[in-house]
């Protein structure tokens, strides 16, 4: 089997992998597909006799870019929730909330809201009011989280999920 026989199927994988990459809703899946896209491209370059370009694609385009994207992705996949200073979240409630967010591949950061603090300046994604009323700023995030099994567990504790800012 010569290089040309392998080249066509591999070259056909490039646009397919690229389309799958940009159509992913979950960043972690897109990152894996981006790594696969770079590996396929490096193989195509190697089969075409461009060893230097293949090596550069493998090291920079695949390995380095994937590692840098993974670091950036890991640091950005955290849901920041404001919590009033006079309300606390019980350990059981926090565990259920963390497990629920883990289903969406999100971490949880609770930020205590000081009187007069600006939620926009704190870059919050939502607020926990009264300990169990979850208000999320993004309607898309609200919808995505409501479709997960953890939403039922949260409701089972007496928690509510509402879009938008809490009413004063």
Protein backbone atom coordinates (compact mmCIF):
# COMPACT_ATOMS: atom_id res chain seq x y z
CA UNK A 1 0.00 0.00 0.00
CA UNK A 2 1.60 3.25 -1.07
CA UNK A 3 1.24 6.76 0.35
CA UNK A 4 -1.27 7.90 -2.27
CA UNK A 5 -3.72 5.15 -1.31
CA UNK A 6 -3.67 6.36 2.30
CA UNK A 7 -3.68 10.04 1.37
CA UNK A 8 -7.23 10.26 0.00
CA UNK A 9 -9.07 8.80 3.02
CA UNK A 10 -6.94 10.85 5.41
CA UNK A 11 -7.46 14.02 3.37
CA UNK A 12 -11.22 13.36 3.47
CA UNK A 13 -11.03 13.25 7.27
CA UNK A 14 -9.73 16.82 7.44
CA UNK A 15 -12.95 18.68 6.51
CA UNK A 16 -15.07 16.12 8.38
CA UNK A 17 -13.08 16.57 11.58
CA UNK A 18 -13.08 20.34 11.14
CA UNK A 19 -16.88 20.40 10.80
CA UNK A 20 -17.30 18.19 13.85
CA UNK A 21 -14.95 20.45 15.81
CA UNK A 22 -16.82 23.68 15.13
CA UNK A 23 -20.24 22.08 15.68
CA UNK A 24 -19.51 20.92 19.24
CA UNK A 25 -21.38 22.60 22.08
CA UNK A 26 -19.06 21.30 24.76
CA UNK A 27 -15.60 22.87 24.72
CA UNK A 28 -13.87 19.72 26.01
CA UNK A 29 -15.18 17.68 23.08
CA UNK A 30 -14.13 20.40 20.65
CA UNK A 31 -10.66 20.36 22.18
CA UNK A 32 -10.30 16.60 21.65
CA UNK A 33 -11.47 16.94 18.06
CA UNK A 34 -9.02 19.83 17.53
CA UNK A 35 -6.21 17.55 18.62
CA UNK A 36 -7.42 14.85 16.23
CA UNK A 37 -7.60 17.42 13.41
CA UNK A 38 -3.96 18.37 14.00
CA UNK A 39 -2.87 14.74 14.09
CA UNK A 40 -4.65 13.95 10.81
CA UNK A 41 -3.14 17.05 9.21
CA UNK A 42 0.34 15.98 10.38
CA UNK A 43 -0.21 12.53 8.83
CA UNK A 44 -1.32 14.08 5.53
CA UNK A 45 1.76 16.31 5.46
CA UNK A 46 4.01 13.33 6.22
CA UNK A 47 2.46 11.26 3.44
CA UNK A 48 2.93 14.14 1.03
CA UNK A 49 6.64 14.19 1.84
CA UNK A 50 6.65 17.40 3.87
CA UNK A 51 8.27 16.00 7.00
CA UNK A 52 9.23 19.42 8.34
CA UNK A 53 5.68 20.74 8.05
CA UNK A 54 4.33 17.50 9.56
CA UNK A 55 6.67 17.81 12.53
CA UNK A 56 5.75 21.46 13.04
CA UNK A 57 2.02 20.64 12.87
CA UNK A 58 2.44 17.76 15.31
CA UNK A 59 4.43 19.78 17.84
CA UNK A 60 2.91 23.23 17.58
CA UNK A 61 -0.48 22.79 15.94
CA UNK A 62 -1.45 19.69 17.87
CA UNK A 63 0.55 19.27 21.04
CA UNK A 64 1.24 22.84 22.14
CA UNK A 65 -2.11 24.29 21.02
CA UNK A 66 -4.05 21.47 22.69
CA UNK A 67 -2.18 21.88 25.97
CA UNK A 68 -2.64 25.67 25.98
CA UNK A 69 -6.33 25.37 25.11
CA UNK A 70 -6.78 22.75 27.84
CA UNK A 71 -5.24 25.05 30.44
CA UNK A 72 -7.42 27.96 29.31
CA UNK A 73 -10.51 25.76 29.17
CA UNK A 74 -9.92 24.36 32.64
CA UNK A 75 -9.61 27.81 34.16
CA UNK A 76 -12.72 29.14 32.42
CA UNK A 77 -15.12 26.30 33.19
CA UNK A 78 -16.17 27.65 36.58
CA UNK A 79 -19.61 28.90 37.49
CA UNK A 80 -19.34 31.94 39.79
CA UNK A 81 -22.37 32.33 42.02
CA UNK A 82 -23.01 35.23 44.37
CA UNK A 83 -24.18 34.38 47.86
CA UNK A 84 -25.64 36.96 50.25
CA UNK A 85 -23.52 37.35 53.41
CA UNK A 86 -26.50 36.59 55.68
CA UNK A 87 -27.25 33.29 53.86
CA UNK A 88 -25.15 30.18 53.91
CA UNK A 89 -25.21 27.04 51.85
CA UNK A 90 -25.31 23.81 53.80
CA UNK A 91 -22.68 21.19 53.08
CA UNK A 92 -25.29 18.81 51.66
CA UNK A 93 -26.75 21.49 49.39
CA UNK A 94 -23.29 22.46 48.18
CA UNK A 95 -22.46 18.81 47.45
CA UNK A 96 -25.63 18.38 45.37
CA UNK A 97 -24.91 21.65 43.56
CA UNK A 98 -21.31 20.64 42.81
CA UNK A 99 -22.37 17.20 41.54
CA UNK A 100 -25.00 18.81 39.34
CA UNK A 101 -22.50 21.25 37.86
CA UNK A 102 -19.99 18.43 37.37
CA UNK A 103 -22.51 16.83 34.99
CA UNK A 104 -22.09 19.95 32.84
CA UNK A 105 -18.31 19.82 33.33
CA UNK A 106 -18.38 22.98 35.43
CA UNK A 107 -16.73 23.84 38.69
CA UNK A 108 -18.33 26.02 41.37
CA UNK A 109 -17.00 29.19 42.94
CA UNK A 110 -19.13 30.81 45.63
CA UNK A 111 -18.58 34.56 46.04
CA UNK A 112 -19.92 36.30 49.13
CA UNK A 113 -21.71 39.48 48.08
CA UNK A 114 -20.84 42.42 50.30
CA UNK A 115 -23.52 45.12 50.71
CA UNK A 116 -23.38 47.49 47.74
CA UNK A 117 -21.19 45.17 45.63
CA UNK A 118 -21.84 45.13 41.90
CA UNK A 119 -22.54 41.59 40.56
CA UNK A 120 -21.45 42.65 37.05
CA UNK A 121 -18.10 43.86 38.32
CA UNK A 122 -17.63 40.58 40.18
CA UNK A 123 -18.26 38.70 36.90
CA UNK A 124 -20.92 36.49 38.42
CA UNK A 125 -22.91 34.00 36.37
CA UNK A 126 -25.77 34.03 38.83
CA UNK A 127 -26.81 34.29 42.44
CA UNK A 128 -28.03 31.99 45.18
CA UNK A 129 -30.78 33.74 47.08
CA UNK A 130 -32.02 32.36 50.36
CA UNK A 131 -29.64 29.42 50.02
CA UNK A 132 -31.71 27.47 47.50
CA UNK A 133 -33.06 29.90 44.90
CA UNK A 134 -30.66 29.77 41.98
CA UNK A 135 -30.88 32.69 39.54
CA UNK A 136 -28.72 32.36 36.42
CA UNK A 137 -27.92 35.33 34.18
CA UNK A 138 -27.69 33.24 30.99
CA UNK A 139 -30.90 31.71 29.69
CA UNK A 140 -28.85 29.20 27.64
CA UNK A 141 -26.98 28.05 30.74
CA UNK A 142 -30.26 27.91 32.64
CA UNK A 143 -31.78 25.70 29.93
CA UNK A 144 -28.72 23.42 29.72
CA UNK A 145 -28.57 22.91 33.48
CA UNK A 146 -32.30 22.23 33.77
CA UNK A 147 -31.99 19.30 31.35
CA UNK A 148 -29.49 17.48 33.58
CA UNK A 149 -30.36 14.90 36.23
CA UNK A 150 -28.85 17.09 38.93
CA UNK A 151 -31.65 19.61 38.44
CA UNK A 152 -34.10 17.08 39.86
CA UNK A 153 -31.84 16.45 42.84
CA UNK A 154 -31.64 20.22 43.43
CA UNK A 155 -35.43 20.52 43.24
CA UNK A 156 -35.70 17.51 45.57
CA UNK A 157 -33.91 19.56 48.22
CA UNK A 158 -36.49 22.33 47.78
CA UNK A 159 -34.29 24.36 45.46
CA UNK A 160 -35.58 26.47 42.62
CA UNK A 161 -33.99 27.48 39.33
CA UNK A 162 -34.94 30.76 37.70
CA UNK A 163 -33.53 32.79 34.84
CA UNK A 164 -32.38 36.37 35.33
CA UNK A 165 -31.58 38.54 38.28
CA UNK A 166 -33.33 37.94 41.61
CA UNK A 167 -36.10 40.36 42.49
CA UNK A 168 -35.34 42.60 45.49
